[in-house]
C-alpha atoms as a PDB file:
ATOM      1  CA  MET A   1     -81.599 -45.136  44.106  1.00  0.00           C
ATOM      2  CA  SER A   2     -84.557 -46.952  45.812  1.00  0.00           C
ATOM      3  CA  HIS A   3     -85.202 -48.590  49.002  1.00  0.00           C
ATOM      4  CA  VAL A   4     -87.870 -50.805  50.089  1.00  0.00           C
ATOM      5  CA  VAL A   5     -90.058 -50.392  53.221  1.00  0.00           C
ATOM      6  CA  THR A   6     -92.069 -53.087  54.895  1.00  0.00           C
ATOM      7  CA  LEU A   7     -94.643 -51.561  57.083  1.00  0.00           C
ATOM      8  CA  LYS A   8     -96.294 -53.248  60.318  1.00  0.00           C
ATOM      9  CA  LYS A   9     -99.848 -52.313  59.800  1.00  0.00           C
ATOM     10  CA  GLY A  10     -99.670 -50.813  56.513  1.00  0.00           C
ATOM     11  CA  LEU A  11    -100.774 -47.703  54.340  1.00  0.00           C
ATOM     12  CA  LEU A  12    -104.624 -47.837  54.451  1.00  0.00           C
ATOM     13  CA  ILE A  13    -105.990 -47.265  50.856  1.00  0.00           C
ATOM     14  CA  LYS A  14    -109.695 -47.762  50.273  1.00  0.00           C
ATOM     15  CA  GLY A  15    -109.671 -49.775  53.471  1.00  0.00           C
ATOM     16  CA  LYS A  16    -107.202 -52.046  52.538  1.00  0.00           C
ATOM     17  CA  PRO A  17    -103.728 -52.118  54.185  1.00  0.00           C
ATOM     18  CA  HIS A  18    -100.678 -52.075  51.736  1.00  0.00           C
ATOM     19  CA  LEU A  19     -97.555 -53.118  53.673  1.00  0.00           C
ATOM     20  CA  THR A  20     -94.513 -52.746  51.039  1.00  0.00           C
ATOM     21  CA  LEU A  21     -93.568 -49.457  49.524  1.00  0.00           C
ATOM     22  CA  THR A  22     -90.593 -48.360  47.447  1.00  0.00           C
ATOM     23  CA  LEU A  23     -89.110 -44.792  47.832  1.00  0.00           C
ATOM     24  CA  ARG A  24     -86.714 -43.177  45.871  1.00  0.00           C
ATOM     25  CA  GLU A  25     -84.088 -40.656  47.055  1.00  0.00           C
ATOM     26  CA  PRO A  26     -85.370 -37.009  46.981  1.00  0.00           C
ATOM     27  CA  PHE A  27     -84.189 -34.488  44.438  1.00  0.00           C
ATOM     28  CA  VAL A  28     -83.862 -30.864  44.669  1.00  0.00           C
ATOM     29  CA  ASP A  29     -87.030 -30.344  42.539  1.00  0.00           C
ATOM     30  CA  ASP A  30     -89.114 -32.343  45.257  1.00  0.00           C
ATOM     31  CA  LEU A  31     -87.665 -29.905  47.875  1.00  0.00           C
ATOM     32  CA  VAL A  32     -88.795 -26.962  45.667  1.00  0.00           C
ATOM     33  CA  ALA A  33     -92.204 -28.503  44.956  1.00  0.00           C
ATOM     34  CA  VAL A  34     -93.018 -29.122  48.548  1.00  0.00           C
ATOM     35  CA  GLU A  35     -92.296 -25.609  49.304  1.00  0.00           C
ATOM     36  CA  ALA A  36     -94.410 -24.428  46.357  1.00  0.00           C
ATOM     37  CA  ASP A  37     -97.228 -26.135  47.887  1.00  0.00           C
ATOM     38  CA  GLY A  38     -97.138 -23.952  50.767  1.00  0.00           C
ATOM     39  CA  VAL A  39     -95.252 -26.167  53.312  1.00  0.00           C
ATOM     40  CA  MET A  40     -92.580 -24.538  55.178  1.00  0.00           C
ATOM     41  CA  ALA A  41     -89.315 -26.178  56.385  1.00  0.00           C
ATOM     42  CA  TYR A  42     -90.001 -25.016  59.819  1.00  0.00           C
ATOM     43  CA  GLN A  43     -92.984 -27.505  59.744  1.00  0.00           C
ATOM     44  CA  SER A  44     -90.498 -30.134  59.935  1.00  0.00           C
ATOM     45  CA  ASN A  45     -92.957 -33.156  60.315  1.00  0.00           C
ATOM     46  CA  THR A  46     -95.333 -31.561  57.771  1.00  0.00           C
ATOM     47  CA  PHE A  47     -92.394 -30.814  55.338  1.00  0.00           C
ATOM     48  CA  ARG A  48     -90.867 -34.348  55.873  1.00  0.00           C
ATOM     49  CA  ARG A  49     -94.260 -36.015  55.324  1.00  0.00           C
ATOM     50  CA  ALA A  50     -94.974 -34.126  51.922  1.00  0.00           C
ATOM     51  CA  LEU A  51     -91.355 -34.864  50.651  1.00  0.00           C
ATOM     52  CA  ILE A  52     -91.720 -38.531  51.606  1.00  0.00           C
ATOM     53  CA  ALA A  53     -95.101 -38.738  49.733  1.00  0.00           C
ATOM     54  CA  ARG A  54     -93.405 -37.335  46.723  1.00  0.00           C
ATOM     55  CA  CYS A  55     -90.813 -39.792  47.009  1.00  0.00           C
ATOM     56  CA  ILE A  56     -92.822 -43.047  47.047  1.00  0.00           C
ATOM     57  CA  VAL A  57     -92.597 -44.538  43.654  1.00  0.00           C
ATOM     58  CA  LYS A  58     -94.462 -47.981  44.329  1.00  0.00           C
ATOM     59  CA  VAL A  59     -97.051 -49.155  46.915  1.00  0.00           C
ATOM     60  CA  ASP A  60     -97.699 -53.178  46.278  1.00  0.00           C
ATOM     61  CA  GLY A  61    -101.129 -53.587  45.168  1.00  0.00           C
ATOM     62  CA  TYR A  62    -101.934 -49.967  44.427  1.00  0.00           C
ATOM     63  CA  ALA A  63    -101.293 -47.987  41.218  1.00  0.00           C
ATOM     64  CA  GLY A  64    -102.205 -44.058  42.343  1.00  0.00           C
ATOM     65  CA  ASP A  65    -100.049 -41.438  44.236  1.00  0.00           C
ATOM     66  CA  VAL A  66     -99.577 -41.371  47.743  1.00  0.00           C
ATOM     67  CA  THR A  67    -100.666 -38.105  49.369  1.00  0.00           C
ATOM     68  CA  PRO A  68     -99.343 -36.477  52.466  1.00  0.00           C
ATOM     69  CA  SER A  69    -102.835 -36.966  54.033  1.00  0.00           C
ATOM     70  CA  MET A  70    -102.594 -40.693  53.252  1.00  0.00           C
ATOM     71  CA  ILE A  71     -99.364 -40.832  55.297  1.00  0.00           C
ATOM     72  CA  GLY A  72    -100.805 -38.840  57.959  1.00  0.00           C
ATOM     73  CA  LYS A  73    -103.028 -41.926  58.789  1.00  0.00           C
ATOM     74  CA  LEU A  74    -100.059 -44.252  59.650  1.00  0.00           C
ATOM     75  CA  GLY A  75     -99.364 -45.359  63.173  1.00  0.00           C
ATOM     76  CA  MET A  76     -96.040 -44.119  64.972  1.00  0.00           C
ATOM     77  CA  THR A  77     -94.619 -47.476  64.297  1.00  0.00           C
ATOM     78  CA  ASP A  78     -95.059 -47.211  60.489  1.00  0.00           C
ATOM     79  CA  TRP A  79     -94.231 -43.648  60.490  1.00  0.00           C
ATOM     80  CA  THR A  80     -90.874 -44.536  61.836  1.00  0.00           C
ATOM     81  CA  LEU A  81     -90.378 -47.286  59.545  1.00  0.00           C
ATOM     82  CA  LEU A  82     -91.153 -45.032  56.600  1.00  0.00           C
ATOM     83  CA  GLN A  83     -88.843 -42.279  58.025  1.00  0.00           C
ATOM     84  CA  ARG A  84     -85.778 -44.692  58.411  1.00  0.00           C
ATOM     85  CA  GLY A  85     -86.546 -46.079  54.657  1.00  0.00           C
ATOM     86  CA  PHE A  86     -86.692 -42.489  53.454  1.00  0.00           C
ATOM     87  CA  ASP A  87     -83.235 -41.855  55.326  1.00  0.00           C
ATOM     88  CA  ALA A  88     -81.858 -44.858  53.726  1.00  0.00           C
ATOM     89  CA  ALA A  89     -83.050 -44.001  50.187  1.00  0.00           C
ATOM     90  CA  GLU A  90     -81.570 -40.538  50.673  1.00  0.00           C
ATOM     91  CA  ALA A  91     -78.291 -41.550  52.019  1.00  0.00           C
ATOM     92  CA  GLU A  92     -77.880 -44.078  49.043  1.00  0.00           C
ATOM     93  CA  GLY A  93     -77.686 -41.131  46.808  1.00  0.00           C
ATOM     94  CA  LYS A  94     -75.127 -39.165  48.730  1.00  0.00           C
ATOM     95  CA  PRO A  95     -71.583 -39.455  47.500  1.00  0.00           C
ATOM     96  CA  GLU A  96     -69.233 -41.458  49.620  1.00  0.00           C
ATOM     97  CA  ALA A  97     -67.045 -39.486  51.958  1.00  0.00           C
ATOM     98  CA  THR A  98     -63.475 -39.308  50.995  1.00  0.00           C
ATOM     99  CA  SER A  99     -60.308 -38.948  53.283  1.00  0.00           C
ATOM    100  CA  GLU A 100     -57.480 -36.763  52.119  1.00  0.00           C
END
């Protein structure tokens, strides 16, 4: 599952703002990889930023990887939009609740 996010000011890459990102749902391997990189879960914003960076599969107009430090340059409005998009991508991958 993936989710498209449109930012207001954009992710600046080489001085150019990129407004549209595509995120996929996170996998267990993503969690493990972020921890292996030395980012501990108790540092919630740092962990979340690294996890989201791993789950960005496309940036319109850019072919490289997105790093946590690139995300760190976002303004708060775009950070909020990106987190909401990540939450939506994550929710799409969760099973539906069943009532018994």
